[in-house]
Amino acid sequence: MNATAIIAPAELCSTTSRQWKERITKDLTEQAQEISIDLSKTRFIDSSGLGVLLSLNKTLRAKGGVLKLLNPSSAVAQLIELTRLHRVFEIVHA
């Protein structure tokens, strides 16, 4: 399985999320089956940032792939739980 690790920005919000998604999408190969997004340095995510993560997840699942969220900071983990997205994403605490 072809795995790719990506570090998320400190803030994944309306001002950064579209540009970040474009960069990721450009850098990903068609063979990428597993993408791990490191959220350990991300201290803020808004609805735009969540939308990007959901979009990447949907795209990967359609190709039979997996999106993993690694080490979300406490604030990000709390938001993911509040929005019930912990049921959608595979979250890994290492």
C-alpha atoms as a PDB file:
ATOM      1  CA  MET A   1       0.000   0.000   0.000  1.00  0.00           C
ATOM      2  CA  ASN A   2       1.354   3.406  -0.963  1.00  0.00           C
ATOM      3  CA  ALA A   3       1.299   5.663   2.132  1.00  0.00           C
ATOM      4  CA  THR A   4       1.807   9.417   2.280  1.00  0.00           C
ATOM      5  CA  ALA A   5       2.354  11.531   5.411  1.00  0.00           C
ATOM      6  CA  ILE A   6       1.341  15.201   5.425  1.00  0.00           C
ATOM      7  CA  ILE A   7       1.764  17.826   8.131  1.00  0.00           C
ATOM      8  CA  ALA A   8      -1.237  20.119   8.543  1.00  0.00           C
ATOM      9  CA  PRO A   9      -0.714  23.862   9.065  1.00  0.00           C
ATOM     10  CA  ALA A  10      -1.032  25.507  12.501  1.00  0.00           C
ATOM     11  CA  GLU A  11      -4.404  26.889  11.428  1.00  0.00           C
ATOM     12  CA  LEU A  12      -6.607  25.021   8.984  1.00  0.00           C
ATOM     13  CA  CYS A  13      -9.205  27.694   8.332  1.00  0.00           C
ATOM     14  CA  SER A  14     -10.908  29.630   5.555  1.00  0.00           C
ATOM     15  CA  THR A  15      -7.727  31.564   4.734  1.00  0.00           C
ATOM     16  CA  THR A  16      -5.460  28.505   4.490  1.00  0.00           C
ATOM     17  CA  SER A  17      -7.619  25.459   3.731  1.00  0.00           C
ATOM     18  CA  ARG A  18      -8.218  25.909  -0.006  1.00  0.00           C
ATOM     19  CA  GLN A  19      -4.569  26.570  -0.782  1.00  0.00           C
ATOM     20  CA  TRP A  20      -3.502  23.638   1.438  1.00  0.00           C
ATOM     21  CA  LYS A  21      -5.949  21.290  -0.291  1.00  0.00           C
ATOM     22  CA  GLU A  22      -4.740  22.375  -3.748  1.00  0.00           C
ATOM     23  CA  ARG A  23      -1.132  21.691  -2.725  1.00  0.00           C
ATOM     24  CA  ILE A  24      -1.980  18.274  -1.302  1.00  0.00           C
ATOM     25  CA  THR A  25      -4.075  17.281  -4.293  1.00  0.00           C
ATOM     26  CA  LYS A  26      -1.286  18.327  -6.667  1.00  0.00           C
ATOM     27  CA  ASP A  27       1.346  16.412  -4.686  1.00  0.00           C
ATOM     28  CA  LEU A  28      -0.640  13.197  -4.324  1.00  0.00           C
ATOM     29  CA  THR A  29      -0.195  10.441  -6.787  1.00  0.00           C
ATOM     30  CA  GLU A  30      -3.018   8.291  -8.059  1.00  0.00           C
ATOM     31  CA  GLN A  31      -1.397   5.352  -6.255  1.00  0.00           C
ATOM     32  CA  ALA A  32      -1.718   6.930  -2.784  1.00  0.00           C
ATOM     33  CA  GLN A  33      -3.872   4.492  -0.833  1.00  0.00           C
ATOM     34  CA  GLU A  34      -3.189   5.746   2.671  1.00  0.00           C
ATOM     35  CA  ILE A  35      -2.792   9.358   3.693  1.00  0.00           C
ATOM     36  CA  SER A  36      -1.840  10.300   7.241  1.00  0.00           C
ATOM     37  CA  ILE A  37      -2.365  13.909   8.225  1.00  0.00           C
ATOM     38  CA  ASP A  38      -0.352  14.995  11.248  1.00  0.00           C
ATOM     39  CA  LEU A  39      -2.496  17.389  13.296  1.00  0.00           C
ATOM     40  CA  SER A  40      -0.143  17.637  16.283  1.00  0.00           C
ATOM     41  CA  LYS A  41       0.876  21.225  15.414  1.00  0.00           C
ATOM     42  CA  THR A  42      -2.613  22.313  14.327  1.00  0.00           C
ATOM     43  CA  ARG A  43      -4.203  24.438  17.031  1.00  0.00           C
ATOM     44  CA  PHE A  44      -7.288  25.672  15.138  1.00  0.00           C
ATOM     45  CA  ILE A  45      -9.659  24.217  12.549  1.00  0.00           C
ATOM     46  CA  ASP A  46     -12.850  25.865  11.317  1.00  0.00           C
ATOM     47  CA  SER A  47     -15.626  24.549   9.076  1.00  0.00           C
ATOM     48  CA  SER A  48     -13.524  25.141   5.941  1.00  0.00           C
ATOM     49  CA  GLY A  49     -10.716  23.024   7.364  1.00  0.00           C
ATOM     50  CA  LEU A  50     -13.128  20.262   8.344  1.00  0.00           C
ATOM     51  CA  GLY A  51     -14.578  20.441   4.841  1.00  0.00           C
ATOM     52  CA  VAL A  52     -11.138  19.876   3.323  1.00  0.00           C
ATOM     53  CA  LEU A  53     -10.528  16.844   5.543  1.00  0.00           C
ATOM     54  CA  LEU A  54     -13.959  15.432   4.667  1.00  0.00           C
ATOM     55  CA  SER A  55     -13.359  16.017   0.955  1.00  0.00           C
ATOM     56  CA  LEU A  56      -9.974  14.271   1.057  1.00  0.00           C
ATOM     57  CA  ASN A  57     -11.544  11.404   2.996  1.00  0.00           C
ATOM     58  CA  LYS A  58     -14.337  11.028   0.436  1.00  0.00           C
ATOM     59  CA  THR A  59     -11.904  11.089  -2.492  1.00  0.00           C
ATOM     60  CA  LEU A  60      -9.645   8.470  -0.910  1.00  0.00           C
ATOM     61  CA  ARG A  61     -12.492   6.166   0.102  1.00  0.00           C
ATOM     62  CA  ALA A  62     -13.825   6.267  -3.455  1.00  0.00           C
ATOM     63  CA  LYS A  63     -10.446   4.856  -4.556  1.00  0.00           C
ATOM     64  CA  GLY A  64     -10.431   2.271  -1.778  1.00  0.00           C
ATOM     65  CA  GLY A  65      -7.981   4.273   0.306  1.00  0.00           C
ATOM     66  CA  VAL A  66      -7.793   5.411   3.919  1.00  0.00           C
ATOM     67  CA  LEU A  67      -7.335   8.835   5.520  1.00  0.00           C
ATOM     68  CA  LYS A  68      -5.839   8.834   9.022  1.00  0.00           C
ATOM     69  CA  LEU A  69      -5.630  11.801  11.375  1.00  0.00           C
ATOM     70  CA  LEU A  70      -2.516  11.597  13.543  1.00  0.00           C
ATOM     71  CA  ASN A  71      -2.072  13.066  17.017  1.00  0.00           C
ATOM     72  CA  PRO A  72      -4.681  15.835  16.948  1.00  0.00           C
ATOM     73  CA  SER A  73      -4.037  18.561  19.523  1.00  0.00           C
ATOM     74  CA  SER A  74      -6.525  18.653  22.386  1.00  0.00           C
ATOM     75  CA  ALA A  75      -8.477  21.575  20.869  1.00  0.00           C
ATOM     76  CA  VAL A  76      -8.709  19.842  17.476  1.00  0.00           C
ATOM     77  CA  ALA A  77      -9.616  16.491  19.059  1.00  0.00           C
ATOM     78  CA  GLN A  78     -12.383  18.206  21.022  1.00  0.00           C
ATOM     79  CA  LEU A  79     -13.803  19.784  17.842  1.00  0.00           C
ATOM     80  CA  ILE A  80     -13.693  16.460  16.021  1.00  0.00           C
ATOM     81  CA  GLU A  81     -15.608  14.850  18.893  1.00  0.00           C
ATOM     82  CA  LEU A  82     -18.159  17.693  19.141  1.00  0.00           C
ATOM     83  CA  THR A  83     -18.928  17.437  15.428  1.00  0.00           C
ATOM     84  CA  ARG A  84     -19.047  13.628  15.719  1.00  0.00           C
ATOM     85  CA  LEU A  85     -16.430  13.317  12.991  1.00  0.00           C
ATOM     86  CA  HIS A  86     -14.527  10.828  15.162  1.00  0.00           C
ATOM     87  CA  ARG A  87     -17.040   8.378  13.670  1.00  0.00           C
ATOM     88  CA  VAL A  88     -15.918   9.301  10.148  1.00  0.00           C
ATOM     89  CA  PHE A  89     -12.146   9.554  10.465  1.00  0.00           C
ATOM     90  CA  GLU A  90      -9.608   7.050  11.676  1.00  0.00           C
ATOM     91  CA  ILE A  91      -7.794   8.863  14.476  1.00  0.00           C
ATOM     92  CA  VAL A  92      -4.403   7.628  15.637  1.00  0.00           C
ATOM     93  CA  HIS A  93      -2.718   8.763  18.858  1.00  0.00           C
ATOM     94  CA  ALA A  94       0.913   7.712  18.821  1.00  0.00           C
END
